[in-house]
C-alpha atoms as a PDB file:
ATOM      1  CA  MET A   1      -0.170   4.023  25.064  1.00  0.00           C
ATOM      2  CA  LYS A   2       1.754   1.086  22.148  1.00  0.00           C
ATOM      3  CA  ILE A   3       2.422   2.216  18.566  1.00  0.00           C
ATOM      4  CA  THR A   4       2.538  -0.332  15.620  1.00  0.00           C
ATOM      5  CA  ILE A   5       2.529   0.198  12.079  1.00  0.00           C
ATOM      6  CA  MET A   6       1.162  -2.206  10.055  1.00  0.00           C
ATOM      7  CA  TYR A   7       1.793  -2.562   6.228  1.00  0.00           C
ATOM      8  CA  PHE A   8       1.995  -4.347   2.663  1.00  0.00           C
ATOM      9  CA  SER A   9       5.204  -2.230   0.501  1.00  0.00           C
ATOM     10  CA  PRO A  10       6.829  -4.518  -2.185  1.00  0.00           C
ATOM     11  CA  THR A  11       8.059  -1.680  -3.158  1.00  0.00           C
ATOM     12  CA  GLY A  12       9.332  -0.131  -0.628  1.00  0.00           C
ATOM     13  CA  THR A  13       7.093   2.941  -0.479  1.00  0.00           C
ATOM     14  CA  THR A  14       4.526   2.108   1.795  1.00  0.00           C
ATOM     15  CA  LYS A  15       7.302   0.897   4.346  1.00  0.00           C
ATOM     16  CA  LYS A  16       8.521   4.121   3.896  1.00  0.00           C
ATOM     17  CA  THR A  17       5.917   6.355   4.264  1.00  0.00           C
ATOM     18  CA  LEU A  18       4.267   4.514   7.289  1.00  0.00           C
ATOM     19  CA  LYS A  19       7.223   4.628   9.650  1.00  0.00           C
ATOM     20  CA  ALA A  20       7.971   8.487   8.944  1.00  0.00           C
ATOM     21  CA  PHE A  21       4.452   8.700  10.503  1.00  0.00           C
ATOM     22  CA  GLY A  22       4.793   6.578  13.177  1.00  0.00           C
ATOM     23  CA  GLN A  23       8.031   7.941  14.250  1.00  0.00           C
ATOM     24  CA  LYS A  24       6.653  11.578  14.060  1.00  0.00           C
ATOM     25  CA  LEU A  25       3.171  10.032  16.127  1.00  0.00           C
ATOM     26  CA  ALA A  26       5.642   8.312  18.779  1.00  0.00           C
ATOM     27  CA  GLU A  27       7.611  11.514  19.376  1.00  0.00           C
ATOM     28  CA  VAL A  28       4.316  14.125  19.665  1.00  0.00           C
ATOM     29  CA  LEU A  29       2.964  11.357  22.277  1.00  0.00           C
ATOM     30  CA  HIS A  30       6.539  10.685  23.691  1.00  0.00           C
ATOM     31  CA  THR A  31       6.103   6.042  23.759  1.00  0.00           C
ATOM     32  CA  GLU A  32       8.524   5.404  21.929  1.00  0.00           C
ATOM     33  CA  PRO A  33      10.192   2.978  19.857  1.00  0.00           C
ATOM     34  CA  ILE A  34       6.645   1.930  17.246  1.00  0.00           C
ATOM     35  CA  GLN A  35       5.866  -1.974  17.022  1.00  0.00           C
ATOM     36  CA  GLU A  36       6.382  -2.503  13.020  1.00  0.00           C
ATOM     37  CA  LEU A  37       4.979  -5.393  11.312  1.00  0.00           C
ATOM     38  CA  ASP A  38       5.700  -6.349   8.051  1.00  0.00           C
ATOM     39  CA  PHE A  39       2.976  -8.796   6.041  1.00  0.00           C
ATOM     40  CA  THR A  40       4.603  -8.344   2.580  1.00  0.00           C
ATOM     41  CA  PRO A  41       5.617 -11.943   3.700  1.00  0.00           C
ATOM     42  CA  LYS A  42       3.555 -14.039   2.292  1.00  0.00           C
ATOM     43  CA  LYS A  43       4.153 -16.090   6.113  1.00  0.00           C
ATOM     44  CA  ASN A  44       2.940 -12.512   8.276  1.00  0.00           C
ATOM     45  CA  ARG A  45      -0.295 -13.058   6.533  1.00  0.00           C
ATOM     46  CA  GLU A  46      -0.526 -16.552   7.570  1.00  0.00           C
ATOM     47  CA  ARG A  47      -0.071 -15.491  11.477  1.00  0.00           C
ATOM     48  CA  GLU A  48      -3.301 -13.876  14.289  1.00  0.00           C
ATOM     49  CA  TYR A  49      -2.922 -10.556  14.782  1.00  0.00           C
ATOM     50  CA  ARG A  50      -5.197  -9.451  18.030  1.00  0.00           C
ATOM     51  CA  PHE A  51      -4.778  -5.956  19.238  1.00  0.00           C
ATOM     52  CA  SER A  52      -6.046  -4.090  22.637  1.00  0.00           C
ATOM     53  CA  ASN A  53      -7.285  -0.946  23.701  1.00  0.00           C
ATOM     54  CA  GLU A  54      -4.398   0.442  24.968  1.00  0.00           C
ATOM     55  CA  ASP A  55      -2.973   0.019  21.532  1.00  0.00           C
ATOM     56  CA  LEU A  56      -2.836   2.722  18.808  1.00  0.00           C
ATOM     57  CA  VAL A  57      -2.298   0.811  15.095  1.00  0.00           C
ATOM     58  CA  VAL A  58      -1.416   2.374  12.069  1.00  0.00           C
ATOM     59  CA  LEU A  59      -2.733   0.210   8.710  1.00  0.00           C
ATOM     60  CA  GLY A  60      -1.027   0.601   5.454  1.00  0.00           C
ATOM     61  CA  LEU A  61      -1.701  -1.113   2.083  1.00  0.00           C
ATOM     62  CA  PRO A  62      -1.028   0.687  -1.220  1.00  0.00           C
ATOM     63  CA  VAL A  63      -4.247   1.322  -4.058  1.00  0.00           C
ATOM     64  CA  TYR A  64      -4.889  -1.630  -6.670  1.00  0.00           C
ATOM     65  CA  ALA A  65      -6.784  -0.166  -9.788  1.00  0.00           C
ATOM     66  CA  GLY A  66      -8.975   2.445  -7.180  1.00  0.00           C
ATOM     67  CA  ARG A  67      -9.592  -0.435  -4.651  1.00  0.00           C
ATOM     68  CA  LEU A  68      -8.272  -2.538  -1.476  1.00  0.00           C
ATOM     69  CA  PRO A  69      -5.795  -5.424  -3.001  1.00  0.00           C
ATOM     70  CA  ASN A  70      -7.941  -8.539  -3.633  1.00  0.00           C
ATOM     71  CA  VAL A  71      -5.588 -10.573  -2.012  1.00  0.00           C
ATOM     72  CA  LEU A  72      -5.300  -9.165   0.818  1.00  0.00           C
ATOM     73  CA  LYS A  73      -8.458  -9.012   1.566  1.00  0.00           C
ATOM     74  CA  GLU A  74      -9.746 -11.707   4.010  1.00  0.00           C
ATOM     75  CA  PHE A  75      -5.663 -11.139   5.725  1.00  0.00           C
ATOM     76  CA  ILE A  76      -7.382  -7.213   6.426  1.00  0.00           C
ATOM     77  CA  GLY A  77     -10.700  -8.558   7.858  1.00  0.00           C
ATOM     78  CA  SER A  78      -8.705 -11.021   9.938  1.00  0.00           C
ATOM     79  CA  ILE A  79      -7.105  -8.281  12.149  1.00  0.00           C
ATOM     80  CA  GLN A  80      -8.511  -7.752  15.473  1.00  0.00           C
ATOM     81  CA  GLY A  81      -8.888  -4.409  16.679  1.00  0.00           C
ATOM     82  CA  GLU A  82     -10.869  -5.261  20.277  1.00  0.00           C
ATOM     83  CA  GLY A  83     -11.258  -1.222  21.188  1.00  0.00           C
ATOM     84  CA  ALA A  84      -7.280  -0.166  19.591  1.00  0.00           C
ATOM     85  CA  MET A  85      -6.975   3.572  18.153  1.00  0.00           C
ATOM     86  CA  GLY A  86      -6.367   3.085  14.257  1.00  0.00           C
ATOM     87  CA  VAL A  87      -5.131   5.544  11.632  1.00  0.00           C
ATOM     88  CA  ALA A  88      -5.703   4.030   7.690  1.00  0.00           C
ATOM     89  CA  ILE A  89      -3.318   4.785   5.076  1.00  0.00           C
ATOM     90  CA  THR A  90      -3.105   4.585   1.414  1.00  0.00           C
ATOM     91  CA  LEU A  91      -0.204   5.059  -0.973  1.00  0.00           C
ATOM     92  CA  PHE A  92      -1.709   5.560  -4.608  1.00  0.00           C
ATOM     93  CA  GLY A  93       0.528   5.692  -7.663  1.00  0.00           C
ATOM     94  CA  ASN A  94      -0.594   9.880  -8.771  1.00  0.00           C
ATOM     95  CA  ARG A  95      -3.844   9.041  -9.998  1.00  0.00           C
ATOM     96  CA  SER A  96      -6.649   8.040  -7.767  1.00  0.00           C
ATOM     97  CA  PHE A  97      -7.033   6.518  -4.668  1.00  0.00           C
ATOM     98  CA  ASP A  98     -10.364   6.591  -5.873  1.00  0.00           C
ATOM     99  CA  ASP A  99     -12.433   3.948  -3.135  1.00  0.00           C
ATOM    100  CA  ALA A 100      -9.761   2.310  -1.808  1.00  0.00           C
ATOM    101  CA  LEU A 101      -8.891   5.050   1.593  1.00  0.00           C
ATOM    102  CA  VAL A 102     -13.448   4.445   2.547  1.00  0.00           C
ATOM    103  CA  GLU A 103     -12.502   1.215   1.878  1.00  0.00           C
ATOM    104  CA  LEU A 104     -10.103   0.636   4.776  1.00  0.00           C
ATOM    105  CA  ARG A 105     -11.284   2.428   6.838  1.00  0.00           C
ATOM    106  CA  ASP A 106     -14.659   0.905   7.578  1.00  0.00           C
ATOM    107  CA  ARG A 107     -12.427  -2.992   7.526  1.00  0.00           C
ATOM    108  CA  MET A 108     -10.323  -1.023  10.621  1.00  0.00           C
ATOM    109  CA  LYS A 109     -14.126   0.057  11.781  1.00  0.00           C
ATOM    110  CA  GLU A 110     -15.527  -3.318  10.796  1.00  0.00           C
ATOM    111  CA  ASN A 111     -12.384  -5.305  13.203  1.00  0.00           C
ATOM    112  CA  GLY A 112     -13.083  -3.342  17.042  1.00  0.00           C
ATOM    113  CA  PHE A 113     -10.786  -0.251  15.507  1.00  0.00           C
ATOM    114  CA  ARG A 114     -11.580   3.273  16.792  1.00  0.00           C
ATOM    115  CA  VAL A 115     -10.070   5.201  13.642  1.00  0.00           C
ATOM    116  CA  LEU A 116      -8.676   8.440  14.335  1.00  0.00           C
ATOM    117  CA  GLY A 117      -8.118   9.485  10.999  1.00  0.00           C
ATOM    118  CA  ALA A 118      -7.527   8.123   7.376  1.00  0.00           C
ATOM    119  CA  GLY A 119      -5.107   9.375   4.656  1.00  0.00           C
ATOM    120  CA  ALA A 120      -4.488   9.260   1.100  1.00  0.00           C
ATOM    121  CA  PHE A 121      -0.333   9.875  -0.438  1.00  0.00           C
ATOM    122  CA  VAL A 122       1.084   9.605  -3.261  1.00  0.00           C
ATOM    123  CA  GLY A 123       4.065   7.162  -3.582  1.00  0.00           C
ATOM    124  CA  GLU A 124       5.639   5.665  -7.010  1.00  0.00           C
ATOM    125  CA  HIS A 125       3.820   3.862  -9.104  1.00  0.00           C
ATOM    126  CA  SER A 126       4.752   0.115  -8.556  1.00  0.00           C
ATOM    127  CA  PHE A 127       3.909   0.123 -12.956  1.00  0.00           C
ATOM    128  CA  SER A 128       6.209   3.358 -13.240  1.00  0.00           C
ATOM    129  CA  ARG A 129       9.675   4.527 -12.737  1.00  0.00           C
ATOM    130  CA  ILE A 130       8.031   7.993 -14.066  1.00  0.00           C
ATOM    131  CA  LEU A 131       4.763   8.228 -12.648  1.00  0.00           C
ATOM    132  CA  GLY A 132       5.207  10.105  -9.226  1.00  0.00           C
ATOM    133  CA  LYS A 133       8.964   9.618  -9.220  1.00  0.00           C
ATOM    134  CA  GLY A 134      10.513   9.422  -5.802  1.00  0.00           C
ATOM    135  CA  ARG A 135       7.138  10.286  -3.377  1.00  0.00           C
ATOM    136  CA  PRO A 136       7.046  10.311  -1.330  1.00  0.00           C
ATOM    137  CA  MET A 137       9.208  13.114  -1.265  1.00  0.00           C
ATOM    138  CA  PRO A 138       9.624  16.351   1.680  1.00  0.00           C
ATOM    139  CA  GLU A 139       7.013  17.526   1.335  1.00  0.00           C
ATOM    140  CA  ASP A 140       4.929  14.996   1.669  1.00  0.00           C
ATOM    141  CA  LEU A 141       6.231  13.528   4.421  1.00  0.00           C
ATOM    142  CA  GLU A 142       6.304  17.003   5.806  1.00  0.00           C
ATOM    143  CA  LYS A 143       2.625  17.039   4.841  1.00  0.00           C
ATOM    144  CA  LEU A 144       1.984  13.472   7.164  1.00  0.00           C
ATOM    145  CA  SER A 145       4.160  15.300   9.912  1.00  0.00           C
ATOM    146  CA  GLU A 146       0.670  17.677   9.954  1.00  0.00           C
ATOM    147  CA  PHE A 147      -1.369  14.492   9.663  1.00  0.00           C
ATOM    148  CA  ALA A 148       0.448  12.832  12.682  1.00  0.00           C
ATOM    149  CA  LEU A 149       0.525  15.697  14.386  1.00  0.00           C
ATOM    150  CA  ALA A 150      -3.777  15.979  13.856  1.00  0.00           C
ATOM    151  CA  VAL A 151      -3.595  12.172  15.103  1.00  0.00           C
ATOM    152  CA  ALA A 152      -2.244  13.116  17.796  1.00  0.00           C
ATOM    153  CA  ALA A 153      -4.000  15.462  18.890  1.00  0.00           C
ATOM    154  CA  LYS A 154      -7.477  12.786  19.035  1.00  0.00           C
ATOM    155  CA  ALA A 155      -5.310  10.385  20.360  1.00  0.00           C
ATOM    156  CA  LYS A 156      -5.026  12.502  23.506  1.00  0.00           C
ATOM    157  CA  GLU A 157      -9.013  12.735  23.728  1.00  0.00           C
ATOM    158  CA  GLU A 158     -10.735  10.852  26.319  1.00  0.00           C
ATOM    159  CA  ASN A 159     -14.020  10.065  23.578  1.00  0.00           C
ATOM    160  CA  PRO A 160     -12.864  11.070  20.309  1.00  0.00           C
ATOM    161  CA  ASP A 161     -15.015  11.104  17.257  1.00  0.00           C
ATOM    162  CA  THR A 162     -14.506   7.781  14.881  1.00  0.00           C
ATOM    163  CA  GLY A 163     -17.145   9.514  12.551  1.00  0.00           C
ATOM    164  CA  PHE A 164     -15.154  12.041  10.749  1.00  0.00           C
ATOM    165  CA  ALA A 165     -16.097  11.735   6.902  1.00  0.00           C
ATOM    166  CA  VAL A 166     -13.556  10.060   4.776  1.00  0.00           C
ATOM    167  CA  ALA A 167     -12.766  10.950   0.342  1.00  0.00           C
ATOM    168  CA  GLY A 168     -14.845   7.526  -2.011  1.00  0.00           C
ATOM    169  CA  GLU A 169     -18.129   6.196  -2.598  1.00  0.00           C
ATOM    170  CA  VAL A 170     -20.041   4.010  -0.874  1.00  0.00           C
ATOM    171  CA  PRO A 171     -21.322   1.619  -2.003  1.00  0.00           C
ATOM    172  CA  TYR A 172     -17.592   0.773  -3.112  1.00  0.00           C
ATOM    173  CA  ARG A 173     -17.225   1.318  -7.060  1.00  0.00           C
ATOM    174  CA  PRO A 174     -15.576  -1.361  -9.068  1.00  0.00           C
ATOM    175  CA  TYR A 175     -12.128  -1.859  -9.848  1.00  0.00           C
ATOM    176  CA  TYR A 176     -10.713   0.292 -12.104  1.00  0.00           C
ATOM    177  CA  THR A 177     -11.135  -0.244 -15.706  1.00  0.00           C
ATOM    178  CA  PRO A 178      -7.234  -0.745 -17.192  1.00  0.00           C
ATOM    179  CA  ARG A 179      -6.798   1.055 -20.755  1.00  0.00           C
ATOM    180  CA  ASN A 180      -4.471   1.412 -23.151  1.00  0.00           C
ATOM    181  CA  MET A 181      -2.860   4.602 -25.281  1.00  0.00           C
ATOM    182  CA  ALA A 182      -6.632   4.289 -27.847  1.00  0.00           C
ATOM    183  CA  GLY A 183      -8.540   4.434 -24.342  1.00  0.00           C
ATOM    184  CA  GLU A 184      -9.907   0.047 -25.147  1.00  0.00           C
ATOM    185  CA  PRO A 185     -10.510  -1.465 -21.314  1.00  0.00           C
ATOM    186  CA  VAL A 186      -7.380  -4.063 -21.640  1.00  0.00           C
ATOM    187  CA  ASN A 187      -6.815  -7.073 -19.083  1.00  0.00           C
ATOM    188  CA  PHE A 188      -3.465  -8.275 -17.850  1.00  0.00           C
ATOM    189  CA  LEU A 189      -4.145 -10.762 -15.234  1.00  0.00           C
ATOM    190  CA  LYS A 190      -2.688 -13.850 -16.223  1.00  0.00           C
ATOM    191  CA  ALA A 191       0.452 -11.326 -17.296  1.00  0.00           C
ATOM    192  CA  LYS A 192       4.081 -12.165 -16.067  1.00  0.00           C
ATOM    193  CA  PRO A 193       7.135 -11.018 -15.924  1.00  0.00           C
ATOM    194  CA  LEU A 194       9.673 -12.500 -17.990  1.00  0.00           C
ATOM    195  CA  THR A 195      13.310 -13.172 -17.794  1.00  0.00           C
ATOM    196  CA  SER A 196      16.469 -12.703 -19.716  1.00  0.00           C
ATOM    197  CA  SER A 197      19.822 -14.613 -20.196  1.00  0.00           C
ATOM    198  CA  ALA A 198      21.195 -11.228 -17.502  1.00  0.00           C
ATOM    199  CA  CYS A 199      19.829 -13.479 -14.938  1.00  0.00           C
ATOM    200  CA  ILE A 200      22.408 -13.706 -12.367  1.00  0.00           C
ATOM    201  CA  ASP A 201      20.544 -16.229 -10.684  1.00  0.00           C
ATOM    202  CA  CYS A 202      21.084 -14.176  -7.378  1.00  0.00           C
ATOM    203  CA  LYS A 203      17.533 -15.202  -5.730  1.00  0.00           C
ATOM    204  CA  LEU A 204      16.456 -11.338  -4.683  1.00  0.00           C
ATOM    205  CA  CYS A 205      13.321 -11.893  -6.555  1.00  0.00           C
ATOM    206  CA  VAL A 206      12.199 -15.371  -4.956  1.00  0.00           C
ATOM    207  CA  LYS A 207      13.042 -13.603  -1.681  1.00  0.00           C
ATOM    208  CA  LEU A 208      10.691 -10.272  -2.751  1.00  0.00           C
ATOM    209  CA  CYS A 209       7.930 -12.200  -4.131  1.00  0.00           C
ATOM    210  CA  PRO A 210       4.736 -11.534  -1.849  1.00  0.00           C
ATOM    211  CA  MET A 211       3.442 -14.415  -3.278  1.00  0.00           C
ATOM    212  CA  GLU A 212       5.901 -16.899  -3.173  1.00  0.00           C
ATOM    213  CA  SER A 213       5.329 -17.147  -7.150  1.00  0.00           C
ATOM    214  CA  ILE A 214       8.951 -17.540  -8.207  1.00  0.00           C
ATOM    215  CA  ASN A 215      10.436 -20.645  -8.670  1.00  0.00           C
ATOM    216  CA  TYR A 216      13.680 -21.117  -6.036  1.00  0.00           C
ATOM    217  CA  GLU A 217      15.484 -23.403  -8.510  1.00  0.00           C
ATOM    218  CA  ASP A 218      14.027 -21.467 -12.043  1.00  0.00           C
ATOM    219  CA  THR A 219      13.698 -18.050 -11.261  1.00  0.00           C
ATOM    220  CA  SER A 220      12.170 -18.188 -14.304  1.00  0.00           C
ATOM    221  CA  LEU A 221       9.663 -19.549 -13.977  1.00  0.00           C
ATOM    222  CA  VAL A 222       6.555 -17.641 -11.558  1.00  0.00           C
ATOM    223  CA  SER A 223       4.405 -20.688 -11.094  1.00  0.00           C
ATOM    224  CA  GLY A 224       2.097 -18.828  -8.783  1.00  0.00           C
ATOM    225  CA  ILE A 225      -0.245 -15.527  -9.467  1.00  0.00           C
ATOM    226  CA  CYS A 226       0.815 -11.847 -10.006  1.00  0.00           C
ATOM    227  CA  ILE A 227      -0.066  -9.468  -8.467  1.00  0.00           C
ATOM    228  CA  LYS A 228       2.538  -6.709 -10.532  1.00  0.00           C
ATOM    229  CA  CYS A 229       3.782  -5.236  -7.935  1.00  0.00           C
ATOM    230  CA  SER A 230       7.035  -4.943  -9.701  1.00  0.00           C
ATOM    231  CA  ALA A 231       9.526  -5.455  -6.952  1.00  0.00           C
ATOM    232  CA  CYS A 232      11.096  -8.483  -8.982  1.00  0.00           C
ATOM    233  CA  VAL A 233      11.381  -5.755 -11.867  1.00  0.00           C
ATOM    234  CA  LYS A 234      12.679  -2.965  -9.690  1.00  0.00           C
ATOM    235  CA  PHE A 235      15.224  -4.575  -7.424  1.00  0.00           C
ATOM    236  CA  CYS A 236      16.567  -6.992 -10.299  1.00  0.00           C
ATOM    237  CA  PRO A 237      20.955  -5.569 -10.256  1.00  0.00           C
ATOM    238  CA  VAL A 238      20.347  -6.568 -13.631  1.00  0.00           C
ATOM    239  CA  GLY A 239      17.566  -5.858 -14.924  1.00  0.00           C
ATOM    240  CA  ALA A 240      16.618  -9.244 -16.079  1.00  0.00           C
ATOM    241  CA  LYS A 241      12.736  -8.662 -14.856  1.00  0.00           C
ATOM    242  CA  TYR A 242      10.443  -7.467 -17.462  1.00  0.00           C
ATOM    243  CA  PHE A 243       7.337  -7.357 -18.356  1.00  0.00           C
ATOM    244  CA  GLU A 244       6.366  -7.765 -21.594  1.00  0.00           C
ATOM    245  CA  ASP A 245       3.194  -8.463 -22.027  1.00  0.00           C
ATOM    246  CA  GLU A 246       0.548  -5.837 -24.702  1.00  0.00           C
ATOM    247  CA  GLY A 247      -2.497  -5.196 -22.100  1.00  0.00           C
ATOM    248  CA  PHE A 248       0.274  -4.369 -19.510  1.00  0.00           C
ATOM    249  CA  ILE A 249       2.672  -2.320 -21.746  1.00  0.00           C
ATOM    250  CA  GLY A 250      -0.093  -0.404 -23.524  1.00  0.00           C
ATOM    251  CA  HIS A 251      -1.433   0.078 -20.225  1.00  0.00           C
ATOM    252  CA  VAL A 252       1.338   1.454 -18.356  1.00  0.00           C
ATOM    253  CA  GLN A 253       1.994   4.244 -21.384  1.00  0.00           C
ATOM    254  CA  GLN A 254      -1.811   5.562 -20.815  1.00  0.00           C
ATOM    255  CA  LEU A 255      -0.976   6.042 -17.588  1.00  0.00           C
ATOM    256  CA  GLU A 256       2.401   7.393 -17.103  1.00  0.00           C
ATOM    257  CA  THR A 257       0.569   9.963 -20.576  1.00  0.00           C
ATOM    258  CA  THR A 258      -2.248  10.930 -18.788  1.00  0.00           C
ATOM    259  CA  PHE A 259      -1.539  11.252 -15.313  1.00  0.00           C
ATOM    260  CA  LEU A 260       1.860  12.945 -15.374  1.00  0.00           C
ATOM    261  CA  GLU A 261       0.307  16.045 -13.490  1.00  0.00           C
ATOM    262  CA  PRO A 262       1.952  15.291  -9.186  1.00  0.00           C
ATOM    263  CA  LYS A 263      -1.270  14.957  -7.180  1.00  0.00           C
ATOM    264  CA  ARG A 264      -2.186  16.026  -3.639  1.00  0.00           C
ATOM    265  CA  ASN A 265      -2.118  13.440  -0.544  1.00  0.00           C
ATOM    266  CA  GLN A 266      -5.568  14.410   1.804  1.00  0.00           C
ATOM    267  CA  TRP A 267      -5.836  13.306   4.995  1.00  0.00           C
ATOM    268  CA  PHE A 268      -8.831  13.379   7.059  1.00  0.00           C
ATOM    269  CA  THR A 269      -9.663  13.114  11.538  1.00  0.00           C
END
């Protein structure tokens, strides 16, 4: 059995979670090392990924407004399981994973994976440095290990159960509507990060952008789509990247005020 972890992780939270899960799984199943496929860079989403019944694939995605990121759906639909065992993992920023986990489980089954387990784990919200701050923490990783043990036990079975229930609704609900502090719906789809005079032109933001939307010659220009992953904001070494869109700022304030109480991880097998 070959274990592969696949993830989209602009700020590294999903990557950290999947690596910890994959390493525990490999330890229990005695199949180290694991194969790691990072499809955060756009070029890695232009390849074909095809597996077989000798593979165990762990697929991890961040939750965007309670669902799978819309810009990744076509790519996720192209990953072919062909009888491989699979595990679905979503990372949510301490609000809710809503229907993202059941949606990912369903997509994997449609793609030919025999899904053994599905888990939703809390990570620091991409919009915030407060919401879910520092997560996954050691106690989160302990829950991740428990999940890995349960999955490993099923992987050893001759005919593992793949019909288990997962939290969420089918048909899936619409994407979560962002709101400001007054409770009013806001739309910041067109919001893009700005660049202050502190920029040292290191080009790190260009490298980090998963949509290849930041201009190399002039990093203050965002010519393509921005999915608000905030990688350029969080990792800029001089803090030169920022958002000032009123709707976006208002929604971040609403999230940080309403959803501060730590949420728990959930997994299903």
